[in-house]
Amino acid sequence: MNMVTLNPDGKLKHGPDKEINDPLTCLSFGLMLVPNLQLRHFFKMMVHYPILTRLNTFLPDLMIQYHKCPQSGCNCDDFDHLEFTKTIEMVGFPGEPRLEIYTSFQGIKKDQQIPIRNYPQALLLDNEIYFGKLKHVVFGDKVDTFEFNTVVTLFEFIDGIVWELSFHVLPQECQLRR
């Protein structure tokens, strides 16, 4: 599988030194994170590649929030780090079984998962991001949960983070008319 690396300056690289000019061509590539990568660097990627902000209707509002945040000191002691994970869950048995695949982006303190929905973006930006293991849940049975190393694509990473952070904004499309 082709891989790209997200760097602290927000630039994507293919291999050790080939900078990506058109990020749309590598949305299906696997993503690697450099050590100590922070959520702030995700937003630097959006600044460096503004076309990526068109992937999700929530991204422009998240970018406005990002630009209002301080340049540093935007971390939360409630987390050791932020973690991006994928889950594959077999559901619907007995009955008609189906397979659901989804991502999660949350805070981690020791081994405890902490939802980030109640934390403003200004407390999340300087927290480091890591990839967690893929969780495979068999018919909702937490005992039959297996964990695996996996690959996260650039698109999954962008969409998963934006989905979770979208709870921090209320864009025009979601406001009730008076």
C-alpha atoms as a PDB file:
ATOM      1  CA  MET A   1       0.000   0.000   0.000  1.00  0.00           C
ATOM      2  CA  ASN A   2       1.215   3.510  -0.759  1.00  0.00           C
ATOM      3  CA  MET A   3       1.934   5.521   2.379  1.00  0.00           C
ATOM      4  CA  VAL A   4       2.250   9.223   3.174  1.00  0.00           C
ATOM      5  CA  THR A   5       3.599  10.840   6.320  1.00  0.00           C
ATOM      6  CA  LEU A   6       2.073  13.868   8.053  1.00  0.00           C
ATOM      7  CA  ASN A   7       4.784  16.169   9.405  1.00  0.00           C
ATOM      8  CA  PRO A   8       4.578  18.937  12.043  1.00  0.00           C
ATOM      9  CA  ASP A   9       4.694  21.648   9.370  1.00  0.00           C
ATOM     10  CA  GLY A  10       1.457  20.210   7.926  1.00  0.00           C
ATOM     11  CA  LYS A  11       3.140  18.879   4.808  1.00  0.00           C
ATOM     12  CA  LEU A  12       2.537  15.386   3.524  1.00  0.00           C
ATOM     13  CA  LYS A  13       5.508  13.396   2.256  1.00  0.00           C
ATOM     14  CA  HIS A  14       5.677  10.245   0.189  1.00  0.00           C
ATOM     15  CA  GLY A  15       8.833   8.412   1.142  1.00  0.00           C
ATOM     16  CA  PRO A  16      11.597  10.183   3.040  1.00  0.00           C
ATOM     17  CA  ASP A  17      11.687  13.415   1.057  1.00  0.00           C
ATOM     18  CA  LYS A  18       9.073  13.625  -1.727  1.00  0.00           C
ATOM     19  CA  GLU A  19       6.615  16.349  -0.746  1.00  0.00           C
ATOM     20  CA  ILE A  20       3.033  15.879  -1.910  1.00  0.00           C
ATOM     21  CA  ASN A  21       1.723  18.770  -4.021  1.00  0.00           C
ATOM     22  CA  ASP A  22      -1.773  17.442  -4.719  1.00  0.00           C
ATOM     23  CA  PRO A  23      -3.171  15.767  -1.584  1.00  0.00           C
ATOM     24  CA  LEU A  24      -6.309  14.578  -3.384  1.00  0.00           C
ATOM     25  CA  THR A  25      -4.211  12.017  -5.244  1.00  0.00           C
ATOM     26  CA  CYS A  26      -3.248  10.329  -1.986  1.00  0.00           C
ATOM     27  CA  LEU A  27      -6.503  10.314   0.015  1.00  0.00           C
ATOM     28  CA  SER A  28      -6.581   6.507  -0.248  1.00  0.00           C
ATOM     29  CA  PHE A  29      -2.946   6.150   0.836  1.00  0.00           C
ATOM     30  CA  GLY A  30      -2.106   4.839   4.265  1.00  0.00           C
ATOM     31  CA  LEU A  31      -1.041   7.526   6.719  1.00  0.00           C
ATOM     32  CA  MET A  32       1.919   7.540   9.064  1.00  0.00           C
ATOM     33  CA  LEU A  33       2.322  10.095  11.841  1.00  0.00           C
ATOM     34  CA  VAL A  34       5.743  11.381  12.846  1.00  0.00           C
ATOM     35  CA  PRO A  35       6.556  11.070  16.557  1.00  0.00           C
ATOM     36  CA  ASN A  36       5.044  13.789  18.754  1.00  0.00           C
ATOM     37  CA  LEU A  37       2.526  14.824  16.096  1.00  0.00           C
ATOM     38  CA  GLN A  38      -0.182  17.063  17.555  1.00  0.00           C
ATOM     39  CA  LEU A  39      -3.724  17.972  16.552  1.00  0.00           C
ATOM     40  CA  ARG A  40      -2.373  21.422  15.669  1.00  0.00           C
ATOM     41  CA  HIS A  41      -0.371  19.784  12.880  1.00  0.00           C
ATOM     42  CA  PHE A  42      -3.599  18.372  11.423  1.00  0.00           C
ATOM     43  CA  PHE A  43      -4.855  21.947  11.079  1.00  0.00           C
ATOM     44  CA  LYS A  44      -1.518  23.062   9.625  1.00  0.00           C
ATOM     45  CA  MET A  45      -2.117  20.418   6.951  1.00  0.00           C
ATOM     46  CA  MET A  46      -5.449  22.089   6.166  1.00  0.00           C
ATOM     47  CA  VAL A  47      -3.697  25.473   5.905  1.00  0.00           C
ATOM     48  CA  HIS A  48      -0.983  24.037   3.658  1.00  0.00           C
ATOM     49  CA  TYR A  49      -3.501  22.169   1.462  1.00  0.00           C
ATOM     50  CA  PRO A  50      -6.668  24.349   1.510  1.00  0.00           C
ATOM     51  CA  ILE A  51      -8.407  22.082  -1.010  1.00  0.00           C
ATOM     52  CA  LEU A  52      -8.739  19.521   1.808  1.00  0.00           C
ATOM     53  CA  THR A  53     -11.116  21.855   3.658  1.00  0.00           C
ATOM     54  CA  ARG A  54     -13.654  21.095   0.932  1.00  0.00           C
ATOM     55  CA  LEU A  55     -13.874  17.437   2.007  1.00  0.00           C
ATOM     56  CA  ASN A  56     -16.305  18.163   4.826  1.00  0.00           C
ATOM     57  CA  THR A  57     -18.829  20.958   5.440  1.00  0.00           C
ATOM     58  CA  PHE A  58     -17.646  21.332   9.042  1.00  0.00           C
ATOM     59  CA  LEU A  59     -14.013  22.019   8.160  1.00  0.00           C
ATOM     60  CA  PRO A  60     -14.360  25.732   7.294  1.00  0.00           C
ATOM     61  CA  ASP A  61     -15.917  26.440  10.707  1.00  0.00           C
ATOM     62  CA  LEU A  62     -13.257  24.339  12.440  1.00  0.00           C
ATOM     63  CA  MET A  63     -10.588  26.340  10.600  1.00  0.00           C
ATOM     64  CA  ILE A  64     -12.107  29.606  11.850  1.00  0.00           C
ATOM     65  CA  GLN A  65     -11.907  28.246  15.400  1.00  0.00           C
ATOM     66  CA  TYR A  66      -8.341  27.079  14.820  1.00  0.00           C
ATOM     67  CA  HIS A  67      -7.212  30.532  13.678  1.00  0.00           C
ATOM     68  CA  LYS A  68      -8.697  32.083  16.836  1.00  0.00           C
ATOM     69  CA  CYS A  69      -6.708  29.754  19.135  1.00  0.00           C
ATOM     70  CA  PRO A  70      -3.392  30.724  20.740  1.00  0.00           C
ATOM     71  CA  GLN A  71      -0.204  29.641  18.949  1.00  0.00           C
ATOM     72  CA  SER A  72       0.791  27.357  21.845  1.00  0.00           C
ATOM     73  CA  GLY A  73      -0.296  26.101  25.252  1.00  0.00           C
ATOM     74  CA  CYS A  74      -3.485  24.516  23.929  1.00  0.00           C
ATOM     75  CA  ASN A  75      -3.366  21.222  25.773  1.00  0.00           C
ATOM     76  CA  CYS A  76      -5.391  19.458  28.399  1.00  0.00           C
ATOM     77  CA  ASP A  77      -3.988  17.598  31.381  1.00  0.00           C
ATOM     78  CA  ASP A  78      -7.080  15.356  31.396  1.00  0.00           C
ATOM     79  CA  PHE A  79      -5.429  13.326  28.594  1.00  0.00           C
ATOM     80  CA  ASP A  80      -2.099  11.612  28.135  1.00  0.00           C
ATOM     81  CA  HIS A  81      -2.717  11.867  24.387  1.00  0.00           C
ATOM     82  CA  LEU A  82      -5.418  11.757  21.714  1.00  0.00           C
ATOM     83  CA  GLU A  83      -6.051   8.468  19.939  1.00  0.00           C
ATOM     84  CA  PHE A  84      -7.507   7.692  16.537  1.00  0.00           C
ATOM     85  CA  THR A  85      -8.912   4.172  16.174  1.00  0.00           C
ATOM     86  CA  LYS A  86     -10.964   2.084  13.766  1.00  0.00           C
ATOM     87  CA  THR A  87     -13.609  -0.443  14.783  1.00  0.00           C
ATOM     88  CA  ILE A  88     -15.160  -3.279  12.811  1.00  0.00           C
ATOM     89  CA  GLU A  89     -18.268  -4.585  14.492  1.00  0.00           C
ATOM     90  CA  MET A  90     -20.440  -7.524  13.540  1.00  0.00           C
ATOM     91  CA  VAL A  91     -24.008  -6.751  14.650  1.00  0.00           C
ATOM     92  CA  GLY A  92     -27.527  -8.079  14.163  1.00  0.00           C
ATOM     93  CA  PHE A  93     -27.288 -11.686  15.251  1.00  0.00           C
ATOM     94  CA  PRO A  94     -29.646 -13.427  15.721  1.00  0.00           C
ATOM     95  CA  GLY A  95     -31.427 -11.973  12.776  1.00  0.00           C
ATOM     96  CA  GLU A  96     -29.802 -10.438   9.742  1.00  0.00           C
ATOM     97  CA  PRO A  97     -26.133  -9.863  10.540  1.00  0.00           C
ATOM     98  CA  ARG A  98     -24.289  -6.854   9.175  1.00  0.00           C
ATOM     99  CA  LEU A  99     -20.835  -5.364   9.434  1.00  0.00           C
ATOM    100  CA  GLU A 100     -20.236  -1.771  10.603  1.00  0.00           C
ATOM    101  CA  ILE A 101     -16.886  -0.012  10.190  1.00  0.00           C
ATOM    102  CA  TYR A 102     -16.260   3.299  11.938  1.00  0.00           C
ATOM    103  CA  THR A 103     -13.534   5.484  13.413  1.00  0.00           C
ATOM    104  CA  SER A 104     -13.168   7.099  16.823  1.00  0.00           C
ATOM    105  CA  PHE A 105     -11.094  10.037  17.990  1.00  0.00           C
ATOM    106  CA  GLN A 106     -10.854  10.466  21.746  1.00  0.00           C
ATOM    107  CA  GLY A 107      -8.634  11.347  24.645  1.00  0.00           C
ATOM    108  CA  ILE A 108      -6.721   8.657  26.518  1.00  0.00           C
ATOM    109  CA  LYS A 109      -5.656   8.851  30.174  1.00  0.00           C
ATOM    110  CA  LYS A 110      -3.717   5.753  31.178  1.00  0.00           C
ATOM    111  CA  ASP A 111      -5.958   3.124  29.528  1.00  0.00           C
ATOM    112  CA  GLN A 112      -9.204   5.043  29.969  1.00  0.00           C
ATOM    113  CA  GLN A 113     -11.028   6.495  26.949  1.00  0.00           C
ATOM    114  CA  ILE A 114     -12.329  10.048  27.412  1.00  0.00           C
ATOM    115  CA  PRO A 115     -14.714  11.636  24.889  1.00  0.00           C
ATOM    116  CA  ILE A 116     -13.428  14.997  23.656  1.00  0.00           C
ATOM    117  CA  ARG A 117     -16.833  16.475  22.811  1.00  0.00           C
ATOM    118  CA  ASN A 118     -16.933  18.556  25.979  1.00  0.00           C
ATOM    119  CA  TYR A 119     -13.462  20.022  25.475  1.00  0.00           C
ATOM    120  CA  PRO A 120     -13.017  23.147  23.367  1.00  0.00           C
ATOM    121  CA  GLN A 121     -10.644  22.997  20.444  1.00  0.00           C
ATOM    122  CA  ALA A 122      -8.299  25.383  22.302  1.00  0.00           C
ATOM    123  CA  LEU A 123      -7.630  22.621  24.856  1.00  0.00           C
ATOM    124  CA  LEU A 124      -6.925  19.942  22.261  1.00  0.00           C
ATOM    125  CA  LEU A 125      -4.535  21.428  19.706  1.00  0.00           C
ATOM    126  CA  ASP A 126      -1.233  20.696  21.446  1.00  0.00           C
ATOM    127  CA  ASN A 127      -2.087  17.158  22.541  1.00  0.00           C
ATOM    128  CA  GLU A 128      -0.212  14.418  20.701  1.00  0.00           C
ATOM    129  CA  ILE A 129      -2.084  12.048  18.385  1.00  0.00           C
ATOM    130  CA  TYR A 130      -1.451   8.313  18.149  1.00  0.00           C
ATOM    131  CA  PHE A 131      -3.090   5.549  16.185  1.00  0.00           C
ATOM    132  CA  GLY A 132      -4.760   2.911  18.341  1.00  0.00           C
ATOM    133  CA  LYS A 133      -5.333  -0.672  17.333  1.00  0.00           C
ATOM    134  CA  LEU A 134      -8.264  -1.710  15.200  1.00  0.00           C
ATOM    135  CA  LYS A 135     -10.946  -3.277  17.374  1.00  0.00           C
ATOM    136  CA  HIS A 136     -12.956  -6.164  15.974  1.00  0.00           C
ATOM    137  CA  VAL A 137     -16.159  -6.705  17.966  1.00  0.00           C
ATOM    138  CA  VAL A 138     -18.132  -9.881  17.313  1.00  0.00           C
ATOM    139  CA  PHE A 139     -21.891  -9.410  17.691  1.00  0.00           C
ATOM    140  CA  GLY A 140     -21.594  -6.794  20.440  1.00  0.00           C
ATOM    141  CA  ASP A 141     -19.815  -9.178  22.788  1.00  0.00           C
ATOM    142  CA  LYS A 142     -17.049  -7.156  24.442  1.00  0.00           C
ATOM    143  CA  VAL A 143     -15.463 -10.452  25.546  1.00  0.00           C
ATOM    144  CA  ASP A 144     -15.013 -11.372  21.879  1.00  0.00           C
ATOM    145  CA  THR A 145     -13.208  -8.134  20.997  1.00  0.00           C
ATOM    146  CA  PHE A 146      -9.962  -8.588  19.144  1.00  0.00           C
ATOM    147  CA  GLU A 147      -7.318  -5.926  18.516  1.00  0.00           C
ATOM    148  CA  PHE A 148      -5.082  -5.659  15.472  1.00  0.00           C
ATOM    149  CA  ASN A 149      -2.549  -3.326  13.946  1.00  0.00           C
ATOM    150  CA  THR A 150      -4.071  -1.665  10.896  1.00  0.00           C
ATOM    151  CA  VAL A 151      -3.616   1.072   8.337  1.00  0.00           C
ATOM    152  CA  VAL A 152      -5.569   4.327   8.484  1.00  0.00           C
ATOM    153  CA  THR A 153      -5.970   6.157   5.181  1.00  0.00           C
ATOM    154  CA  LEU A 154      -5.494   9.891   4.863  1.00  0.00           C
ATOM    155  CA  PHE A 155      -9.208  10.278   4.108  1.00  0.00           C
ATOM    156  CA  GLU A 156     -10.281   8.216   7.137  1.00  0.00           C
ATOM    157  CA  PHE A 157      -8.014  10.328   9.331  1.00  0.00           C
ATOM    158  CA  ILE A 158      -9.393  13.631   8.054  1.00  0.00           C
ATOM    159  CA  ASP A 159     -13.018  12.524   8.110  1.00  0.00           C
ATOM    160  CA  GLY A 160     -12.762  10.865  11.533  1.00  0.00           C
ATOM    161  CA  ILE A 161     -11.171  13.872  13.217  1.00  0.00           C
ATOM    162  CA  VAL A 162     -13.576  16.304  11.589  1.00  0.00           C
ATOM    163  CA  TRP A 163     -16.570  14.175  12.586  1.00  0.00           C
ATOM    164  CA  GLU A 164     -15.558  14.207  16.236  1.00  0.00           C
ATOM    165  CA  LEU A 165     -14.631  17.897  16.259  1.00  0.00           C
ATOM    166  CA  SER A 166     -17.831  18.813  14.400  1.00  0.00           C
ATOM    167  CA  PHE A 167     -19.647  18.583  17.727  1.00  0.00           C
ATOM    168  CA  HIS A 168     -17.692  21.720  18.721  1.00  0.00           C
ATOM    169  CA  VAL A 169     -19.250  23.889  16.014  1.00  0.00           C
ATOM    170  CA  LEU A 170     -22.747  24.736  14.938  1.00  0.00           C
ATOM    171  CA  PRO A 171     -22.515  25.672  11.275  1.00  0.00           C
ATOM    172  CA  GLN A 172     -25.174  27.634   9.424  1.00  0.00           C
ATOM    173  CA  GLU A 173     -26.629  24.398   7.993  1.00  0.00           C
ATOM    174  CA  CYS A 174     -27.482  23.092  11.470  1.00  0.00           C
ATOM    175  CA  GLN A 175     -28.952  26.244  13.017  1.00  0.00           C
ATOM    176  CA  LEU A 176     -32.718  26.327  13.590  1.00  0.00           C
ATOM    177  CA  ARG A 177     -34.617  28.982  11.704  1.00  0.00           C
ATOM    178  CA  ARG A 178     -36.506  31.466  13.842  1.00  0.00           C
END
